[in-house]
Amino acid sequence: MRYYNYEKLAKEVGMTMAQLRELKRQMRAEFPHDQMMFELHVMRAVMAVRDGRITLEQALRSEPSRA
């Protein structure tokens, strides 16, 4: 079951498949057993890039910022 169409949005933002795979890998590590939370956080990260709240590079960092 799919909850969010983050792949379409990622394509619209200009993310490559490799970048999306890396983002998904990071989110899966945070939410290994919760598909909805995993997808939600992928979608929110892509939306943040789209909206200019973060850069793509920031979204792909392996360690979250602790500011």
PDB file of N, CA and C in Angstrom:
ATOM      1  N   MET A   1       0.831  -1.177   0.000  1.00  0.00           N
ATOM      2  CA  MET A   1       0.000   0.000   0.000  1.00  0.00           C
ATOM      3  C   MET A   1       0.881   1.247   0.000  1.00  0.00           C
ATOM      4  N   ARG A   2       0.519   2.212  -0.826  1.00  0.00           N
ATOM      5  CA  ARG A   2       1.227   3.489  -0.888  1.00  0.00           C
ATOM      6  C   ARG A   2       0.345   4.569  -0.284  1.00  0.00           C
ATOM      7  N   TYR A   3       0.956   5.442   0.496  1.00  0.00           N
ATOM      8  CA  TYR A   3       0.221   6.521   1.146  1.00  0.00           C
ATOM      9  C   TYR A   3       0.403   7.859   0.428  1.00  0.00           C
ATOM     10  N   TYR A   4       1.610   8.121  -0.067  1.00  0.00           N
ATOM     11  CA  TYR A   4       1.932   9.424  -0.654  1.00  0.00           C
ATOM     12  C   TYR A   4       2.656   9.236  -1.988  1.00  0.00           C
ATOM     13  N   ASN A   5       2.391  10.140  -2.926  1.00  0.00           N
ATOM     14  CA  ASN A   5       3.048  10.080  -4.224  1.00  0.00           C
ATOM     15  C   ASN A   5       4.275  10.998  -4.218  1.00  0.00           C
ATOM     16  N   TYR A   6       5.254  10.661  -3.385  1.00  0.00           N
ATOM     17  CA  TYR A   6       6.460  11.473  -3.268  1.00  0.00           C
ATOM     18  C   TYR A   6       7.338  11.368  -4.504  1.00  0.00           C
ATOM     19  N   GLU A   7       7.237  10.281  -5.269  1.00  0.00           N
ATOM     20  CA  GLU A   7       8.070  10.122  -6.461  1.00  0.00           C
ATOM     21  C   GLU A   7       7.734  11.173  -7.517  1.00  0.00           C
ATOM     22  N   LYS A   8       6.458  11.446  -7.708  1.00  0.00           N
ATOM     23  CA  LYS A   8       6.039  12.463  -8.675  1.00  0.00           C
ATOM     24  C   LYS A   8       6.564  13.830  -8.259  1.00  0.00           C
ATOM     25  N   LEU A   9       6.407  14.160  -6.987  1.00  0.00           N
ATOM     26  CA  LEU A   9       6.868  15.446  -6.488  1.00  0.00           C
ATOM     27  C   LEU A   9       8.394  15.560  -6.594  1.00  0.00           C
ATOM     28  N   ALA A  10       9.103  14.492  -6.270  1.00  0.00           N
ATOM     29  CA  ALA A  10      10.563  14.504  -6.364  1.00  0.00           C
ATOM     30  C   ALA A  10      11.001  14.778  -7.804  1.00  0.00           C
ATOM     31  N   LYS A  11      10.313  14.189  -8.753  1.00  0.00           N
ATOM     32  CA  LYS A  11      10.626  14.420 -10.161  1.00  0.00           C
ATOM     33  C   LYS A  11      10.383  15.881 -10.524  1.00  0.00           C
ATOM     34  N   GLU A  12       9.271  16.444 -10.048  1.00  0.00           N
ATOM     35  CA  GLU A  12       8.955  17.843 -10.320  1.00  0.00           C
ATOM     36  C   GLU A  12       9.996  18.784  -9.726  1.00  0.00           C
ATOM     37  N   VAL A  13      10.551  18.403  -8.586  1.00  0.00           N
ATOM     38  CA  VAL A  13      11.570  19.212  -7.912  1.00  0.00           C
ATOM     39  C   VAL A  13      12.914  19.092  -8.622  1.00  0.00           C
ATOM     40  N   GLY A  14      13.092  18.047  -9.416  1.00  0.00           N
ATOM     41  CA  GLY A  14      14.348  17.843 -10.134  1.00  0.00           C
ATOM     42  C   GLY A  14      15.303  16.889  -9.451  1.00  0.00           C
ATOM     43  N   MET A  15      14.801  16.129  -8.496  1.00  0.00           N
ATOM     44  CA  MET A  15      15.647  15.134  -7.834  1.00  0.00           C
ATOM     45  C   MET A  15      15.910  13.982  -8.794  1.00  0.00           C
ATOM     46  N   THR A  16      17.126  13.485  -8.759  1.00  0.00           N
ATOM     47  CA  THR A  16      17.443  12.297  -9.544  1.00  0.00           C
ATOM     48  C   THR A  16      16.950  11.064  -8.793  1.00  0.00           C
ATOM     49  N   MET A  17      16.870   9.964  -9.488  1.00  0.00           N
ATOM     50  CA  MET A  17      16.461   8.717  -8.828  1.00  0.00           C
ATOM     51  C   MET A  17      17.471   8.332  -7.744  1.00  0.00           C
ATOM     52  N   ALA A  18      18.753   8.587  -7.995  1.00  0.00           N
ATOM     53  CA  ALA A  18      19.782   8.277  -6.995  1.00  0.00           C
ATOM     54  C   ALA A  18      19.589   9.126  -5.742  1.00  0.00           C
ATOM     55  N   GLN A  19      19.250  10.395  -5.910  1.00  0.00           N
ATOM     56  CA  GLN A  19      19.014  11.269  -4.758  1.00  0.00           C
ATOM     57  C   GLN A  19      17.785  10.817  -3.986  1.00  0.00           C
ATOM     58  N   LEU A  20      16.735  10.452  -4.697  1.00  0.00           N
ATOM     59  CA  LEU A  20      15.532   9.970  -4.026  1.00  0.00           C
ATOM     60  C   LEU A  20      15.809   8.663  -3.290  1.00  0.00           C
ATOM     61  N   ARG A  21      16.574   7.773  -3.901  1.00  0.00           N
ATOM     62  CA  ARG A  21      16.939   6.518  -3.225  1.00  0.00           C
ATOM     63  C   ARG A  21      17.679   6.793  -1.926  1.00  0.00           C
ATOM     64  N   GLU A  22      18.607   7.757  -1.948  1.00  0.00           N
ATOM     65  CA  GLU A  22      19.367   8.083  -0.740  1.00  0.00           C
ATOM     66  C   GLU A  22      18.459   8.669   0.333  1.00  0.00           C
ATOM     67  N   LEU A  23      17.572   9.558  -0.054  1.00  0.00           N
ATOM     68  CA  LEU A  23      16.625  10.127   0.909  1.00  0.00           C
ATOM     69  C   LEU A  23      15.757   9.027   1.513  1.00  0.00           C
ATOM     70  N   LYS A  24      15.280   8.116   0.677  1.00  0.00           N
ATOM     71  CA  LYS A  24      14.468   7.005   1.159  1.00  0.00           C
ATOM     72  C   LYS A  24      15.266   6.101   2.088  1.00  0.00           C
ATOM     73  N   ARG A  25      16.525   5.871   1.775  1.00  0.00           N
ATOM     74  CA  ARG A  25      17.373   5.026   2.623  1.00  0.00           C
ATOM     75  C   ARG A  25      17.482   5.636   4.027  1.00  0.00           C
ATOM     76  N   GLN A  26      17.690   6.955   4.064  1.00  0.00           N
ATOM     77  CA  GLN A  26      17.815   7.635   5.348  1.00  0.00           C
ATOM     78  C   GLN A  26      16.509   7.578   6.136  1.00  0.00           C
ATOM     79  N   MET A  27      15.415   7.805   5.472  1.00  0.00           N
ATOM     80  CA  MET A  27      14.124   7.786   6.165  1.00  0.00           C
ATOM     81  C   MET A  27      13.740   6.377   6.604  1.00  0.00           C
ATOM     82  N   ARG A  28      14.082   5.397   5.815  1.00  0.00           N
ATOM     83  CA  ARG A  28      13.787   4.009   6.193  1.00  0.00           C
ATOM     84  C   ARG A  28      14.561   3.640   7.450  1.00  0.00           C
ATOM     85  N   ALA A  29      15.783   4.163   7.586  1.00  0.00           N
ATOM     86  CA  ALA A  29      16.574   3.889   8.792  1.00  0.00           C
ATOM     87  C   ALA A  29      15.891   4.472  10.031  1.00  0.00           C
ATOM     88  N   GLU A  30      15.219   5.607   9.864  1.00  0.00           N
ATOM     89  CA  GLU A  30      14.518   6.231  10.990  1.00  0.00           C
ATOM     90  C   GLU A  30      13.192   5.548  11.294  1.00  0.00           C
ATOM     91  N   PHE A  31      12.541   5.020  10.262  1.00  0.00           N
ATOM     92  CA  PHE A  31      11.217   4.407  10.414  1.00  0.00           C
ATOM     93  C   PHE A  31      11.205   3.023   9.746  1.00  0.00           C
ATOM     94  N   PRO A  32      11.942   2.069  10.312  1.00  0.00           N
ATOM     95  CA  PRO A  32      12.078   0.771   9.646  1.00  0.00           C
ATOM     96  C   PRO A  32      10.800  -0.064   9.604  1.00  0.00           C
ATOM     97  N   HIS A  33       9.870   0.201  10.497  1.00  0.00           N
ATOM     98  CA  HIS A  33       8.679  -0.652  10.592  1.00  0.00           C
ATOM     99  C   HIS A  33       7.363   0.087  10.385  1.00  0.00           C
ATOM    100  N   ASP A  34       7.438   1.346   9.999  1.00  0.00           N
ATOM    101  CA  ASP A  34       6.220   2.147   9.856  1.00  0.00           C
ATOM    102  C   ASP A  34       6.187   2.774   8.464  1.00  0.00           C
ATOM    103  N   GLN A  35       5.504   2.119   7.543  1.00  0.00           N
ATOM    104  CA  GLN A  35       5.470   2.555   6.154  1.00  0.00           C
ATOM    105  C   GLN A  35       4.880   3.956   6.005  1.00  0.00           C
ATOM    106  N   MET A  36       3.817   4.245   6.717  1.00  0.00           N
ATOM    107  CA  MET A  36       3.189   5.554   6.583  1.00  0.00           C
ATOM    108  C   MET A  36       4.118   6.667   7.071  1.00  0.00           C
ATOM    109  N   MET A  37       4.762   6.484   8.204  1.00  0.00           N
ATOM    110  CA  MET A  37       5.686   7.510   8.711  1.00  0.00           C
ATOM    111  C   MET A  37       6.889   7.663   7.787  1.00  0.00           C
ATOM    112  N   PHE A  38       7.389   6.554   7.267  1.00  0.00           N
ATOM    113  CA  PHE A  38       8.482   6.599   6.306  1.00  0.00           C
ATOM    114  C   PHE A  38       8.101   7.460   5.106  1.00  0.00           C
ATOM    115  N   GLU A  39       6.960   7.154   4.490  1.00  0.00           N
ATOM    116  CA  GLU A  39       6.531   7.898   3.316  1.00  0.00           C
ATOM    117  C   GLU A  39       6.234   9.355   3.645  1.00  0.00           C
ATOM    118  N   LEU A  40       5.614   9.595   4.787  1.00  0.00           N
ATOM    119  CA  LEU A  40       5.297  10.963   5.190  1.00  0.00           C
ATOM    120  C   LEU A  40       6.563  11.803   5.308  1.00  0.00           C
ATOM    121  N   HIS A  41       7.596  11.258   5.913  1.00  0.00           N
ATOM    122  CA  HIS A  41       8.824  12.023   6.090  1.00  0.00           C
ATOM    123  C   HIS A  41       9.580  12.204   4.778  1.00  0.00           C
ATOM    124  N   VAL A  42       9.513  11.239   3.883  1.00  0.00           N
ATOM    125  CA  VAL A  42      10.088  11.436   2.550  1.00  0.00           C
ATOM    126  C   VAL A  42       9.344  12.583   1.865  1.00  0.00           C
ATOM    127  N   MET A  43       8.027  12.535   1.891  1.00  0.00           N
ATOM    128  CA  MET A  43       7.211  13.569   1.246  1.00  0.00           C
ATOM    129  C   MET A  43       7.489  14.940   1.856  1.00  0.00           C
ATOM    130  N   ARG A  44       7.559  15.020   3.158  1.00  0.00           N
ATOM    131  CA  ARG A  44       7.812  16.312   3.809  1.00  0.00           C
ATOM    132  C   ARG A  44       9.189  16.858   3.449  1.00  0.00           C
ATOM    133  N   ALA A  45      10.183  15.998   3.340  1.00  0.00           N
ATOM    134  CA  ALA A  45      11.521  16.456   2.956  1.00  0.00           C
ATOM    135  C   ALA A  45      11.517  16.991   1.523  1.00  0.00           C
ATOM    136  N   VAL A  46      10.846  16.283   0.622  1.00  0.00           N
ATOM    137  CA  VAL A  46      10.774  16.737  -0.771  1.00  0.00           C
ATOM    138  C   VAL A  46      10.005  18.055  -0.850  1.00  0.00           C
ATOM    139  N   MET A  47       8.925  18.178  -0.087  1.00  0.00           N
ATOM    140  CA  MET A  47       8.158  19.422  -0.083  1.00  0.00           C
ATOM    141  C   MET A  47       8.988  20.581   0.473  1.00  0.00           C
ATOM    142  N   ALA A  48       9.809  20.321   1.467  1.00  0.00           N
ATOM    143  CA  ALA A  48      10.667  21.367   2.036  1.00  0.00           C
ATOM    144  C   ALA A  48      11.663  21.863   0.995  1.00  0.00           C
ATOM    145  N   VAL A  49      12.190  20.947   0.191  1.00  0.00           N
ATOM    146  CA  VAL A  49      13.087  21.344  -0.898  1.00  0.00           C
ATOM    147  C   VAL A  49      12.312  22.177  -1.912  1.00  0.00           C
ATOM    148  N   ARG A  50      11.150  21.708  -2.294  1.00  0.00           N
ATOM    149  CA  ARG A  50      10.319  22.425  -3.263  1.00  0.00           C
ATOM    150  C   ARG A  50      10.005  23.840  -2.801  1.00  0.00           C
ATOM    151  N   ASP A  51       9.693  23.980  -1.522  1.00  0.00           N
ATOM    152  CA  ASP A  51       9.277  25.268  -0.977  1.00  0.00           C
ATOM    153  C   ASP A  51      10.441  26.175  -0.603  1.00  0.00           C
ATOM    154  N   GLY A  52      11.676  25.685  -0.758  1.00  0.00           N
ATOM    155  CA  GLY A  52      12.850  26.493  -0.468  1.00  0.00           C
ATOM    156  C   GLY A  52      13.205  26.589   1.003  1.00  0.00           C
ATOM    157  N   ARG A  53      12.598  25.749   1.839  1.00  0.00           N
ATOM    158  CA  ARG A  53      12.917  25.772   3.269  1.00  0.00           C
ATOM    159  C   ARG A  53      14.254  25.114   3.563  1.00  0.00           C
ATOM    160  N   ILE A  54      14.632  24.139   2.740  1.00  0.00           N
ATOM    161  CA  ILE A  54      15.946  23.503   2.829  1.00  0.00           C
ATOM    162  C   ILE A  54      16.457  23.276   1.413  1.00  0.00           C
ATOM    163  N   THR A  55      17.758  23.071   1.302  1.00  0.00           N
ATOM    164  CA  THR A  55      18.330  22.728   0.004  1.00  0.00           C
ATOM    165  C   THR A  55      18.301  21.210  -0.164  1.00  0.00           C
ATOM    166  N   LEU A  56      18.481  20.775  -1.372  1.00  0.00           N
ATOM    167  CA  LEU A  56      18.549  19.340  -1.627  1.00  0.00           C
ATOM    168  C   LEU A  56      19.721  18.727  -0.863  1.00  0.00           C
ATOM    169  N   GLU A  57      20.828  19.446  -0.805  1.00  0.00           N
ATOM    170  CA  GLU A  57      21.995  18.943  -0.074  1.00  0.00           C
ATOM    171  C   GLU A  57      21.679  18.760   1.405  1.00  0.00           C
ATOM    172  N   GLN A  58      20.930  19.700   1.969  1.00  0.00           N
ATOM    173  CA  GLN A  58      20.539  19.563   3.383  1.00  0.00           C
ATOM    174  C   GLN A  58      19.618  18.354   3.586  1.00  0.00           C
ATOM    175  N   ALA A  59      18.723  18.126   2.659  1.00  0.00           N
ATOM    176  CA  ALA A  59      17.812  16.995   2.762  1.00  0.00           C
ATOM    177  C   ALA A  59      18.555  15.669   2.711  1.00  0.00           C
ATOM    178  N   LEU A  60      19.661  15.658   1.992  1.00  0.00           N
ATOM    179  CA  LEU A  60      20.405  14.408   1.804  1.00  0.00           C
ATOM    180  C   LEU A  60      21.501  14.171   2.830  1.00  0.00           C
ATOM    181  N   ARG A  61      21.646  15.065   3.765  1.00  0.00           N
ATOM    182  CA  ARG A  61      22.654  14.851   4.821  1.00  0.00           C
ATOM    183  C   ARG A  61      22.292  13.618   5.611  1.00  0.00           C
ATOM    184  N   SER A  62      23.300  12.829   5.928  1.00  0.00           N
ATOM    185  CA  SER A  62      23.016  11.595   6.679  1.00  0.00           C
ATOM    186  C   SER A  62      22.734  11.884   8.141  1.00  0.00           C
ATOM    187  N   GLU A  63      23.263  12.961   8.687  1.00  0.00           N
ATOM    188  CA  GLU A  63      23.011  13.333  10.078  1.00  0.00           C
ATOM    189  C   GLU A  63      22.098  14.546  10.112  1.00  0.00           C
ATOM    190  N   PRO A  64      20.963  14.471  10.786  1.00  0.00           N
ATOM    191  CA  PRO A  64      20.109  15.654  10.890  1.00  0.00           C
ATOM    192  C   PRO A  64      20.787  16.767  11.652  1.00  0.00           C
ATOM    193  N   SER A  65      20.495  17.989  11.263  1.00  0.00           N
ATOM    194  CA  SER A  65      21.052  19.159  11.930  1.00  0.00           C
ATOM    195  C   SER A  65      20.458  19.260  13.331  1.00  0.00           C
ATOM    196  N   ARG A  66      21.277  19.576  14.313  1.00  0.00           N
ATOM    197  CA  ARG A  66      20.838  19.715  15.702  1.00  0.00           C
ATOM    198  C   ARG A  66      20.965  21.155  16.161  1.00  0.00           C
ATOM    199  N   ALA A  67      20.489  22.092  15.365  1.00  0.00           N
ATOM    200  CA  ALA A  67      20.618  23.520  15.692  1.00  0.00           C
ATOM    201  C   ALA A  67      19.734  23.935  16.826  1.00  0.00           C
TER     202      ALA A  67
END
